[in-house]
Amino acid sequence: MSDGYLLVHFVEDHSGHGEKIFFSLSDRDDPLRWTRANGGEAVLESAFGTTGVRDPYLVRGPEEAFIIATDLRVWTGAEHDWDGWTRHGSRSLVIWRSTDLVTWSEPWLVEVAPPTAGMAWAPEAMRDAATGDYLVYWSSTLYDEADAEHAGESYPRIMAARTRDFRSFGEPFVLADFGPGHGVIDLTMVVHEGRTHRFLKSTDERLLFHEVGSSPAASDFTMVASRIADDLYEHVEAPLIFFDADAGCWYLWVDQYSDWPQGYIALRTTDLSSGEWRPVPREEFSLPENTKHGVVVPLREGEWDRLAAAFGPIVR
């Protein structure tokens, strides 16, 4: 059973600077009611690279935790240049370490994507209990080695590398590639009953889709759902997935960016393999506006109290 939940995220703020690390806490063990910690202010920020962090993810080991994030600042007062950012964006991740979720190290920047990549976005990680290392994966648009200026046409795919300490990474490799015209971003994965469930955002007709395979790096994935939440919003991305043991259901949150204010909406199922995701009624789900692309972390005994004490007050 969970002792409440921590949501690590950033905030979309077109007039200020919300591209930092924010913590929100569930109302104890209720994963549908949330308050923003630290008086609504960021808990961590980066002065490296672009000085912005988006799409944070928290991964835990036996005695430590890491937050990894995209090195990208969108809201600078200048015009947005998404095409330029995919061709000449940061190929590095911003990383923090903690042993208690309260006190965090200074951040460091690590280049993970190869020179042929245009960027490294939306990183996540899974720990391999058998080996003790982590599989870190992210989205990159890759260009031909002869195209040093990244001027040609290409598409995003999922890349990965292995690490034990988030400072030294192995050789990056392609984890998921659906071919030209079928770019994918925002991979999140969960292993359940020996099967790997992965959720991705596609540039093709699948939009946000759900697949099931034998392992995170397998080539035998089959799709069980596509166009998830397409009937609710025109644009959704950044899926996150977690299990509520008390209710016996899985929650899939998707980040809608069609309307202001932006932010997560919640769907759920009691059968993860079914691909049948039903929206949580709006009146049941309470989350501060513009809460963006992050991860929900089930907390261990005593951690909710420690986080609330360290990062109070919490605000709606």
Protein backbone atom coordinates (compact mmCIF):
# COMPACT_ATOMS: atom_id res chain seq x y z
CA MET A 1 0.00 0.00 0.00
CA SER A 2 1.14 3.53 -0.70
CA ASP A 3 1.70 6.19 1.93
CA GLY A 4 0.48 8.86 -0.48
CA TYR A 5 2.03 10.07 -3.70
CA LEU A 6 4.56 12.62 -4.93
CA LEU A 7 4.13 14.29 -8.32
CA VAL A 8 7.34 15.72 -9.81
CA HIS A 9 6.59 18.11 -12.68
CA PHE A 10 7.18 21.49 -14.27
CA VAL A 11 4.73 24.37 -14.79
CA GLU A 12 3.79 25.94 -18.09
CA ASP A 13 4.04 29.69 -17.45
CA HIS A 14 4.12 31.96 -20.48
CA SER A 15 4.73 35.11 -18.44
CA GLY A 16 7.18 33.85 -15.79
CA HIS A 17 9.68 31.02 -15.40
CA GLY A 18 8.01 27.73 -14.56
CA GLU A 19 10.48 25.50 -16.36
CA LYS A 20 11.86 24.24 -13.07
CA ILE A 21 11.23 21.24 -10.81
CA PHE A 22 8.01 21.43 -8.79
CA PHE A 23 6.63 18.99 -6.23
CA SER A 24 2.94 18.34 -5.67
CA LEU A 25 1.57 16.04 -2.98
CA SER A 26 -1.56 13.93 -3.01
CA ASP A 27 -4.10 14.47 -0.29
CA ARG A 28 -2.62 11.59 1.69
CA ASP A 29 -3.47 8.35 -0.14
CA ASP A 30 -5.94 9.91 -2.61
CA PRO A 31 -4.26 9.99 -6.03
CA LEU A 32 -6.95 12.26 -7.48
CA ARG A 33 -6.60 15.22 -5.10
CA TRP A 34 -3.41 17.25 -5.24
CA THR A 35 -1.79 20.32 -3.71
CA ARG A 36 1.38 22.06 -4.87
CA ALA A 37 4.16 21.95 -2.28
CA ASN A 38 6.66 24.61 -1.22
CA GLY A 39 4.07 27.37 -1.28
CA GLY A 40 3.61 26.80 -4.99
CA GLU A 41 7.26 27.64 -5.72
CA ALA A 42 9.82 25.45 -7.48
CA VAL A 43 11.89 23.05 -5.40
CA LEU A 44 14.83 22.77 -7.82
CA GLU A 45 16.13 24.69 -10.84
CA SER A 46 19.02 24.62 -13.26
CA ALA A 47 21.56 27.29 -14.13
CA PHE A 48 23.17 25.03 -16.73
CA GLY A 49 22.59 24.65 -20.44
CA THR A 50 19.40 26.42 -21.47
CA THR A 51 18.59 27.24 -17.79
CA GLY A 52 15.23 25.53 -18.19
CA VAL A 53 14.08 22.03 -17.27
CA ARG A 54 11.02 20.30 -18.64
CA ASP A 55 9.59 16.76 -18.52
CA PRO A 56 11.17 15.65 -15.20
CA TYR A 57 11.20 12.01 -14.12
CA LEU A 58 12.11 10.54 -10.73
CA VAL A 59 13.55 7.04 -10.62
CA ARG A 60 14.40 5.21 -7.39
CA GLY A 61 17.10 2.76 -6.46
CA PRO A 62 17.41 0.86 -3.17
CA GLU A 63 19.10 3.74 -1.34
CA GLU A 64 18.93 6.74 -3.67
CA ALA A 65 16.75 8.56 -6.16
CA PHE A 66 17.50 10.58 -9.26
CA ILE A 67 15.54 13.27 -11.06
CA ILE A 68 16.33 13.54 -14.76
CA ALA A 69 14.91 16.25 -17.02
CA THR A 70 14.97 17.80 -20.48
CA ASP A 71 17.40 20.71 -20.84
CA LEU A 72 15.06 23.14 -22.62
CA ARG A 73 13.70 26.60 -21.89
CA VAL A 74 10.77 27.57 -24.10
CA TRP A 75 9.43 30.69 -22.39
CA THR A 76 12.19 33.29 -22.83
CA GLY A 77 10.26 36.12 -24.46
CA ALA A 78 11.56 35.12 -27.88
CA GLU A 79 9.46 33.41 -30.53
CA HIS A 80 9.11 29.65 -30.14
CA ASP A 81 11.25 27.66 -32.55
CA TRP A 82 10.25 24.02 -32.16
CA ASP A 83 11.82 23.08 -35.48
CA GLY A 84 15.11 24.67 -34.45
CA TRP A 85 15.03 23.01 -31.05
CA THR A 86 14.60 19.57 -32.66
CA ARG A 87 17.56 20.20 -34.98
CA HIS A 88 19.97 22.08 -32.71
CA GLY A 89 18.63 21.57 -29.18
CA SER A 90 20.46 20.30 -26.14
CA ARG A 91 21.65 16.71 -26.33
CA SER A 92 22.15 16.64 -22.56
CA LEU A 93 20.02 15.81 -19.54
CA VAL A 94 19.85 17.73 -16.26
CA ILE A 95 20.19 15.41 -13.25
CA TRP A 96 19.83 15.60 -9.44
CA ARG A 97 20.46 12.94 -6.75
CA SER A 98 18.92 12.42 -3.29
CA THR A 99 18.87 9.77 -0.59
CA ASP A 100 15.69 10.99 1.13
CA LEU A 101 13.61 12.89 -1.52
CA VAL A 102 14.04 16.07 0.57
CA THR A 103 17.69 17.09 0.27
CA TRP A 104 18.93 17.15 -3.32
CA SER A 105 22.37 17.55 -4.82
CA GLU A 106 23.38 20.38 -7.06
CA PRO A 107 22.35 19.52 -10.63
CA TRP A 108 24.74 18.27 -13.26
CA LEU A 109 24.50 18.12 -17.05
CA VAL A 110 25.35 14.95 -19.01
CA GLU A 111 25.42 14.63 -22.78
CA VAL A 112 23.59 11.40 -23.66
CA ALA A 113 22.53 11.76 -27.30
CA PRO A 114 25.04 11.34 -30.16
CA PRO A 115 26.13 14.21 -32.46
CA THR A 116 23.68 12.95 -35.10
CA ALA A 117 20.79 13.75 -32.73
CA GLY A 118 19.04 17.09 -32.71
CA MET A 119 17.95 16.95 -29.09
CA ALA A 120 17.30 14.72 -26.06
CA TRP A 121 13.76 15.18 -24.74
CA ALA A 122 11.46 13.65 -22.13
CA PRO A 123 13.89 11.28 -20.39
CA GLU A 124 12.75 8.42 -18.20
CA ALA A 125 14.56 5.50 -16.58
CA MET A 126 13.93 1.96 -15.37
CA ARG A 127 16.14 0.12 -12.92
CA ASP A 128 17.16 -3.46 -13.67
CA ALA A 129 17.09 -5.21 -10.30
CA ALA A 130 19.19 -8.10 -11.63
CA THR A 131 22.11 -5.96 -12.78
CA GLY A 132 21.67 -2.83 -10.68
CA ASP A 133 21.95 -0.54 -13.68
CA TYR A 134 19.37 1.76 -15.23
CA LEU A 135 17.94 1.89 -18.72
CA VAL A 136 17.53 5.58 -19.54
CA TYR A 137 15.44 6.46 -22.59
CA TRP A 138 14.45 9.69 -24.32
CA SER A 139 13.27 11.15 -27.65
CA SER A 140 15.75 12.24 -30.33
CA THR A 141 15.44 13.26 -33.95
CA LEU A 142 18.39 11.68 -35.78
CA TYR A 143 20.13 13.02 -38.88
CA ASP A 144 22.50 11.48 -41.38
CA GLU A 145 26.16 11.61 -40.35
CA ALA A 146 26.90 13.60 -43.51
CA ASP A 147 24.29 16.20 -42.51
CA ALA A 148 26.35 18.03 -39.89
CA GLU A 149 23.97 21.02 -39.94
CA HIS A 150 20.91 18.82 -39.38
CA ALA A 151 19.25 20.56 -42.31
CA GLY A 152 17.58 17.51 -43.86
CA GLU A 153 14.25 15.91 -43.14
CA SER A 154 14.01 13.43 -40.28
CA TYR A 155 11.69 12.25 -37.51
CA PRO A 156 11.88 11.56 -33.75
CA ARG A 157 12.44 8.10 -32.33
CA ILE A 158 13.25 6.69 -28.90
CA MET A 159 16.89 6.29 -27.92
CA ALA A 160 18.36 4.69 -24.81
CA ALA A 161 21.58 4.15 -22.89
CA ARG A 162 22.55 2.33 -19.72
CA THR A 163 24.09 3.80 -16.59
CA ARG A 164 24.80 2.86 -12.99
CA ASP A 165 25.36 6.34 -11.57
CA PHE A 166 23.77 8.84 -14.03
CA ARG A 167 27.20 10.35 -14.66
CA SER A 168 28.74 7.81 -17.02
CA PHE A 169 26.49 6.45 -19.76
CA GLY A 170 26.99 3.61 -22.20
CA GLU A 171 26.73 3.92 -25.96
CA PRO A 172 23.29 5.22 -26.97
CA PHE A 173 21.12 2.98 -29.15
CA VAL A 174 17.70 3.15 -30.80
CA LEU A 175 15.01 1.59 -28.61
CA ALA A 176 11.91 2.31 -30.72
CA ASP A 177 11.79 3.39 -34.36
CA PHE A 178 8.62 3.20 -36.47
CA GLY A 179 10.14 4.73 -39.60
CA PRO A 180 9.75 8.01 -41.53
CA GLY A 181 6.34 9.59 -41.12
CA HIS A 182 5.82 7.74 -37.86
CA GLY A 183 7.84 9.72 -35.34
CA VAL A 184 7.37 9.05 -31.64
CA ILE A 185 8.09 10.96 -28.44
CA ASP A 186 7.24 10.81 -24.72
CA LEU A 187 7.74 7.11 -24.03
CA THR A 188 6.70 5.85 -20.62
CA MET A 189 6.79 2.18 -19.59
CA VAL A 190 5.65 -0.09 -16.78
CA VAL A 191 6.27 -3.82 -16.26
CA HIS A 192 3.27 -5.76 -14.95
CA GLU A 193 2.90 -9.54 -14.61
CA GLY A 194 5.94 -10.16 -16.77
CA ARG A 195 4.76 -7.94 -19.62
CA THR A 196 5.96 -4.47 -20.56
CA HIS A 197 3.35 -1.83 -21.28
CA ARG A 198 4.54 1.22 -23.16
CA PHE A 199 2.77 4.44 -24.06
CA LEU A 200 3.99 6.83 -26.76
CA LYS A 201 2.87 9.94 -28.60
CA SER A 202 3.03 9.54 -32.38
CA THR A 203 3.03 12.04 -35.24
CA ASP A 204 0.79 9.70 -37.26
CA GLU A 205 -2.82 8.55 -36.94
CA ARG A 206 -2.14 6.55 -33.77
CA LEU A 207 -1.64 9.76 -31.75
CA LEU A 208 -1.24 8.61 -28.12
CA PHE A 209 -1.08 4.81 -28.12
CA HIS A 210 -0.57 1.82 -25.80
CA GLU A 211 1.43 -1.29 -26.69
CA VAL A 212 2.34 -4.51 -24.87
CA GLY A 213 5.51 -6.56 -25.30
CA SER A 214 7.70 -9.13 -23.59
CA SER A 215 10.40 -6.74 -22.28
CA PRO A 216 11.42 -3.08 -22.47
CA ALA A 217 13.86 -3.69 -25.34
CA ALA A 218 11.80 -6.33 -27.18
CA SER A 219 10.70 -6.15 -30.81
CA ASP A 220 7.39 -7.98 -30.29
CA PHE A 221 5.15 -5.13 -29.12
CA THR A 222 1.51 -5.16 -30.22
CA MET A 223 -0.88 -2.24 -29.97
CA VAL A 224 -3.89 -2.53 -27.67
CA ALA A 225 -5.13 1.08 -27.81
CA SER A 226 -4.62 4.15 -30.00
CA ARG A 227 -5.88 7.74 -30.13
CA ILE A 228 -6.21 7.68 -26.33
CA ALA A 229 -8.22 10.67 -25.05
CA ASP A 230 -8.64 11.89 -28.64
CA ASP A 231 -12.37 12.31 -27.94
CA LEU A 232 -11.60 14.65 -25.04
CA TYR A 233 -8.92 16.98 -26.43
CA GLU A 234 -7.38 17.60 -29.84
CA HIS A 235 -3.83 17.45 -28.46
CA VAL A 236 -2.54 15.25 -25.64
CA GLU A 237 0.96 13.99 -24.84
CA ALA A 238 3.29 13.13 -21.94
CA PRO A 239 1.56 10.03 -20.56
CA LEU A 240 2.31 8.84 -17.03
CA ILE A 241 1.14 5.56 -15.53
CA PHE A 242 0.82 4.28 -11.95
CA PHE A 243 -1.13 1.75 -9.89
CA ASP A 244 -3.46 2.60 -7.01
CA ALA A 245 -3.34 -0.50 -4.81
CA ASP A 246 -6.12 0.76 -2.53
CA ALA A 247 -8.60 1.10 -5.40
CA GLY A 248 -7.16 -1.75 -7.45
CA CYS A 249 -6.91 0.34 -10.60
CA TRP A 250 -4.34 1.82 -12.95
CA TYR A 251 -4.25 5.52 -13.67
CA LEU A 252 -3.07 6.95 -16.97
CA TRP A 253 -2.62 10.71 -16.98
CA VAL A 254 -2.23 12.58 -20.24
CA ASP A 255 -1.16 16.19 -20.64
CA GLN A 256 -3.59 18.23 -22.73
CA TYR A 257 -2.08 21.22 -24.52
CA SER A 258 -5.07 22.19 -26.68
CA ASP A 259 -6.54 24.76 -24.28
CA TRP A 260 -5.35 27.19 -21.61
CA PRO A 261 -4.95 26.42 -18.83
CA GLN A 262 -3.07 23.31 -19.86
CA GLY A 263 -2.26 20.26 -17.77
CA TYR A 264 -3.08 16.69 -16.92
CA ILE A 265 -6.37 14.86 -17.22
CA ALA A 266 -6.83 11.40 -15.70
CA LEU A 267 -8.04 8.10 -17.13
CA ARG A 268 -8.20 4.71 -15.44
CA THR A 269 -8.74 0.99 -15.89
CA THR A 270 -8.90 -2.11 -13.70
CA ASP A 271 -7.44 -4.27 -16.49
CA LEU A 272 -4.12 -2.90 -17.77
CA SER A 273 -3.98 -5.34 -20.69
CA SER A 274 -7.40 -4.37 -22.02
CA GLY A 275 -6.39 -0.99 -23.43
CA GLU A 276 -9.76 0.35 -22.26
CA TRP A 277 -9.04 3.74 -20.70
CA ARG A 278 -12.01 5.61 -19.26
CA PRO A 279 -11.82 9.26 -18.21
CA VAL A 280 -12.09 10.13 -14.54
CA PRO A 281 -15.02 12.57 -14.10
CA ARG A 282 -13.74 16.13 -13.84
CA GLU A 283 -15.31 16.66 -10.43
CA GLU A 284 -13.29 13.76 -9.02
CA PHE A 285 -9.90 15.05 -10.16
CA SER A 286 -8.31 18.13 -8.56
CA LEU A 287 -4.89 19.32 -9.74
CA PRO A 288 -3.46 22.87 -9.96
CA GLU A 289 -3.59 24.42 -13.42
CA ASN A 290 -0.70 24.09 -15.86
CA THR A 291 0.80 21.11 -14.03
CA LYS A 292 2.87 19.61 -16.83
CA HIS A 293 4.74 16.49 -17.95
CA GLY A 294 6.08 14.65 -14.93
CA VAL A 295 5.79 11.46 -12.90
CA VAL A 296 3.69 10.18 -10.00
CA VAL A 297 5.77 8.35 -7.38
CA PRO A 298 4.10 6.10 -4.78
CA LEU A 299 5.61 6.96 -1.39
CA ARG A 300 6.89 4.64 1.31
CA GLU A 301 5.92 4.76 4.96
CA GLY A 302 6.67 8.13 6.55
CA GLU A 303 7.73 9.84 3.31
CA TRP A 304 4.55 11.87 2.79
CA ASP A 305 4.89 13.40 6.27
CA ARG A 306 8.58 14.14 5.72
CA LEU A 307 7.93 15.80 2.37
CA ALA A 308 4.99 17.82 3.71
CA ALA A 309 7.10 19.03 6.63
CA ALA A 310 10.05 19.93 4.42
CA PHE A 311 8.12 21.61 1.61
CA GLY A 312 5.14 23.12 3.38
CA PRO A 313 3.00 25.03 3.02
CA ILE A 314 1.10 23.25 0.29
CA VAL A 315 -1.29 25.28 -1.86
CA ARG A 316 -4.08 24.42 -4.25
